[in-house]
Each structure stands twice: as C-alpha cells, then as structure tokens.
PDB file of N, CA and C in Angstrom:
ATOM      1  N   MET A   1     -25.999  10.467 -14.602  1.00  0.00           N
ATOM      2  CA  MET A   1     -25.447   9.415 -15.347  1.00  0.00           C
ATOM      3  C   MET A   1     -25.828   8.126 -14.608  1.00  0.00           C
ATOM      4  N   SER A   2     -26.555   7.387 -15.199  1.00  0.00           N
ATOM      5  CA  SER A   2     -26.842   5.909 -14.551  1.00  0.00           C
ATOM      6  C   SER A   2     -26.057   4.768 -15.206  1.00  0.00           C
ATOM      7  N   PHE A   3     -25.676   3.683 -14.449  1.00  0.00           N
ATOM      8  CA  PHE A   3     -24.836   2.777 -15.244  1.00  0.00           C
ATOM      9  C   PHE A   3     -25.890   1.441 -14.522  1.00  0.00           C
ATOM     10  N   THR A   4     -26.159   0.556 -15.624  1.00  0.00           N
ATOM     11  CA  THR A   4     -26.673  -0.626 -15.373  1.00  0.00           C
ATOM     12  C   THR A   4     -26.026  -1.533 -14.438  1.00  0.00           C
ATOM     13  N   PRO A   5     -26.744  -2.413 -13.695  1.00  0.00           N
ATOM     14  CA  PRO A   5     -26.407  -3.105 -12.556  1.00  0.00           C
ATOM     15  C   PRO A   5     -25.061  -3.924 -12.919  1.00  0.00           C
ATOM     16  N   ASP A   6     -24.911  -4.412 -14.182  1.00  0.00           N
ATOM     17  CA  ASP A   6     -23.597  -4.739 -14.550  1.00  0.00           C
ATOM     18  C   ASP A   6     -22.604  -3.941 -14.534  1.00  0.00           C
ATOM     19  N   GLU A   7     -22.802  -2.703 -15.050  1.00  0.00           N
ATOM     20  CA  GLU A   7     -21.925  -1.932 -14.888  1.00  0.00           C
ATOM     21  C   GLU A   7     -21.098  -1.430 -13.802  1.00  0.00           C
ATOM     22  N   GLN A   8     -22.265  -1.061 -12.774  1.00  0.00           N
ATOM     23  CA  GLN A   8     -21.758  -0.954 -11.670  1.00  0.00           C
ATOM     24  C   GLN A   8     -20.857  -1.862 -10.708  1.00  0.00           C
ATOM     25  N   ALA A   9     -21.445  -3.142 -11.005  1.00  0.00           N
ATOM     26  CA  ALA A   9     -20.653  -4.264 -10.533  1.00  0.00           C
ATOM     27  C   ALA A   9     -19.226  -4.286 -11.064  1.00  0.00           C
ATOM     28  N   GLU A  10     -19.259  -3.832 -12.218  1.00  0.00           N
ATOM     29  CA  GLU A  10     -17.638  -3.887 -12.622  1.00  0.00           C
ATOM     30  C   GLU A  10     -16.986  -2.791 -12.328  1.00  0.00           C
ATOM     31  N   ILE A  11     -17.669  -1.566 -12.097  1.00  0.00           N
ATOM     32  CA  ILE A  11     -16.998  -0.572 -11.415  1.00  0.00           C
ATOM     33  C   ILE A  11     -16.495  -0.615  -9.887  1.00  0.00           C
ATOM     34  N   ARG A  12     -17.440  -1.507  -9.340  1.00  0.00           N
ATOM     35  CA  ARG A  12     -16.972  -1.764  -7.879  1.00  0.00           C
ATOM     36  C   ARG A  12     -15.789  -2.921  -7.821  1.00  0.00           C
ATOM     37  N   ARG A  13     -16.088  -3.693  -9.067  1.00  0.00           N
ATOM     38  CA  ARG A  13     -14.669  -4.629  -9.012  1.00  0.00           C
ATOM     39  C   ARG A  13     -13.430  -4.065  -9.152  1.00  0.00           C
ATOM     40  N   ARG A  14     -13.479  -3.073 -10.064  1.00  0.00           N
ATOM     41  CA  ARG A  14     -12.061  -2.428 -10.407  1.00  0.00           C
ATOM     42  C   ARG A  14     -11.793  -1.576  -9.229  1.00  0.00           C
ATOM     43  N   GLN A  15     -12.823  -1.105  -8.532  1.00  0.00           N
ATOM     44  CA  GLN A  15     -12.419  -0.316  -7.269  1.00  0.00           C
ATOM     45  C   GLN A  15     -11.853  -0.965  -6.267  1.00  0.00           C
ATOM     46  N   ARG A  16     -12.332  -2.200  -6.166  1.00  0.00           N
ATOM     47  CA  ARG A  16     -11.680  -3.206  -5.004  1.00  0.00           C
ATOM     48  C   ARG A  16     -10.208  -3.592  -5.532  1.00  0.00           C
ATOM     49  N   SER A  17     -10.138  -4.066  -6.839  1.00  0.00           N
ATOM     50  CA  SER A  17      -9.019  -4.337  -7.087  1.00  0.00           C
ATOM     51  C   SER A  17      -7.938  -3.530  -6.771  1.00  0.00           C
ATOM     52  N   ARG A  18      -8.226  -2.092  -7.113  1.00  0.00           N
ATOM     53  CA  ARG A  18      -7.398  -0.955  -7.471  1.00  0.00           C
ATOM     54  C   ARG A  18      -7.040  -0.635  -5.664  1.00  0.00           C
ATOM     55  N   ALA A  19      -7.927  -0.862  -4.606  1.00  0.00           N
ATOM     56  CA  ALA A  19      -7.744  -0.632  -3.208  1.00  0.00           C
ATOM     57  C   ALA A  19      -6.797  -1.891  -2.771  1.00  0.00           C
ATOM     58  N   VAL A  20      -6.838  -3.079  -3.214  1.00  0.00           N
ATOM     59  CA  VAL A  20      -5.961  -4.289  -2.788  1.00  0.00           C
ATOM     60  C   VAL A  20      -4.536  -3.891  -3.417  1.00  0.00           C
ATOM     61  N   VAL A  21      -4.542  -3.563  -4.538  1.00  0.00           N
ATOM     62  CA  VAL A  21      -2.984  -3.120  -4.898  1.00  0.00           C
ATOM     63  C   VAL A  21      -2.486  -2.217  -3.977  1.00  0.00           C
ATOM     64  N   THR A  22      -3.143  -1.225  -3.864  1.00  0.00           N
ATOM     65  CA  THR A  22      -2.919   0.095  -3.094  1.00  0.00           C
ATOM     66  C   THR A  22      -2.388  -0.363  -1.606  1.00  0.00           C
ATOM     67  N   ALA A  23      -3.129  -1.324  -0.941  1.00  0.00           N
ATOM     68  CA  ALA A  23      -2.969  -2.130   0.300  1.00  0.00           C
ATOM     69  C   ALA A  23      -1.679  -2.620   0.047  1.00  0.00           C
ATOM     70  N   LEU A  24      -1.644  -3.661  -0.810  1.00  0.00           N
ATOM     71  CA  LEU A  24      -0.442  -4.152  -0.898  1.00  0.00           C
ATOM     72  C   LEU A  24       1.183  -3.752  -1.140  1.00  0.00           C
ATOM     73  N   VAL A  25       1.048  -2.502  -1.735  1.00  0.00           N
ATOM     74  CA  VAL A  25       1.887  -1.566  -1.961  1.00  0.00           C
ATOM     75  C   VAL A  25       2.284  -1.072  -0.854  1.00  0.00           C
ATOM     76  N   LEU A  26       1.286  -0.497   0.197  1.00  0.00           N
ATOM     77  CA  LEU A  26       1.478   0.340   1.285  1.00  0.00           C
ATOM     78  C   LEU A  26       2.447  -0.999   2.293  1.00  0.00           C
ATOM     79  N   GLY A  27       1.703  -1.930   2.392  1.00  0.00           N
ATOM     80  CA  GLY A  27       2.340  -3.015   3.405  1.00  0.00           C
ATOM     81  C   GLY A  27       3.745  -3.251   2.850  1.00  0.00           C
ATOM     82  N   ALA A  28       4.106  -3.466   1.398  1.00  0.00           N
ATOM     83  CA  ALA A  28       5.592  -3.620   0.984  1.00  0.00           C
ATOM     84  C   ALA A  28       6.539  -2.477   1.518  1.00  0.00           C
ATOM     85  N   LEU A  29       5.869  -0.966   1.317  1.00  0.00           N
ATOM     86  CA  LEU A  29       6.696   0.143   1.944  1.00  0.00           C
ATOM     87  C   LEU A  29       6.995  -0.141   3.496  1.00  0.00           C
ATOM     88  N   VAL A  30       5.902  -0.557   4.041  1.00  0.00           N
ATOM     89  CA  VAL A  30       5.899  -0.635   5.515  1.00  0.00           C
ATOM     90  C   VAL A  30       7.112  -1.787   6.150  1.00  0.00           C
ATOM     91  N   ILE A  31       6.923  -2.864   5.256  1.00  0.00           N
ATOM     92  CA  ILE A  31       7.961  -3.765   5.509  1.00  0.00           C
ATOM     93  C   ILE A  31       9.298  -3.414   5.260  1.00  0.00           C
ATOM     94  N   LEU A  32       9.611  -2.892   3.889  1.00  0.00           N
ATOM     95  CA  LEU A  32      10.985  -2.166   3.419  1.00  0.00           C
ATOM     96  C   LEU A  32      11.277  -1.399   4.439  1.00  0.00           C
ATOM     97  N   PHE A  33      10.618  -0.236   4.815  1.00  0.00           N
ATOM     98  CA  PHE A  33      11.352   0.640   5.824  1.00  0.00           C
ATOM     99  C   PHE A  33      11.872  -0.038   7.361  1.00  0.00           C
ATOM    100  N   TYR A  34      10.894  -0.964   7.910  1.00  0.00           N
ATOM    101  CA  TYR A  34      11.239  -1.745   8.736  1.00  0.00           C
ATOM    102  C   TYR A  34      12.264  -2.402   8.863  1.00  0.00           C
ATOM    103  N   ALA A  35      12.293  -3.209   7.508  1.00  0.00           N
ATOM    104  CA  ALA A  35      13.810  -3.855   7.431  1.00  0.00           C
ATOM    105  C   ALA A  35      15.282  -3.046   7.328  1.00  0.00           C
ATOM    106  N   ILE A  36      14.962  -2.040   6.564  1.00  0.00           N
ATOM    107  CA  ILE A  36      15.930  -1.020   6.553  1.00  0.00           C
ATOM    108  C   ILE A  36      16.231  -0.460   7.987  1.00  0.00           C
ATOM    109  N   SER A  37      15.387  -0.075   8.860  1.00  0.00           N
ATOM    110  CA  SER A  37      15.434   0.172  10.196  1.00  0.00           C
ATOM    111  C   SER A  37      16.533  -0.770  10.910  1.00  0.00           C
ATOM    112  N   ILE A  38      15.931  -1.957  10.945  1.00  0.00           N
ATOM    113  CA  ILE A  38      16.661  -3.053  11.268  1.00  0.00           C
ATOM    114  C   ILE A  38      18.191  -3.184  11.080  1.00  0.00           C
ATOM    115  N   ALA A  39      18.285  -3.042   9.517  1.00  0.00           N
ATOM    116  CA  ALA A  39      19.317  -3.146   9.209  1.00  0.00           C
ATOM    117  C   ALA A  39      20.450  -2.305   9.612  1.00  0.00           C
ATOM    118  N   LYS A  40      19.978  -0.951   9.746  1.00  0.00           N
ATOM    119  CA  LYS A  40      20.753   0.059  10.422  1.00  0.00           C
ATOM    120  C   LYS A  40      21.219  -0.015  11.659  1.00  0.00           C
ATOM    121  N   MET A  41      20.511  -0.796  12.419  1.00  0.00           N
ATOM    122  CA  MET A  41      20.642  -1.058  13.813  1.00  0.00           C
ATOM    123  C   MET A  41      21.623  -2.134  14.168  1.00  0.00           C
ATOM    124  N   LEU A  42      22.063  -3.050  13.052  1.00  0.00           N
ATOM    125  CA  LEU A  42      23.231  -4.056  13.219  1.00  0.00           C
ATOM    126  C   LEU A  42      24.166  -3.321  13.022  1.00  0.00           C
TER     127      LEU A  42
END
C-alpha cells in the first residue's frame, strides 16, 4: 500500500502532532507528581 508524497506528508504531520501532545501530557504528569511531592514535604 503506497501513499502519494502529499499523503505521506499528512501522515507524518499527524504523527508529529500526536507525539507533541503525548510529550506535553507526560511533562504535565511529571510536574504534577513533583508538585505533589513538594506539597507532602511541607
């Protein structure tokens, strides 16, 4: 199953935006756990 160059670019763009969203969610979780651990120490 082969895609045209335009379709390949669209697929790559979607994969990139999904990767960015995943990275942001992971970053938000890290910050959340960090904040919770600091709050517990206080």
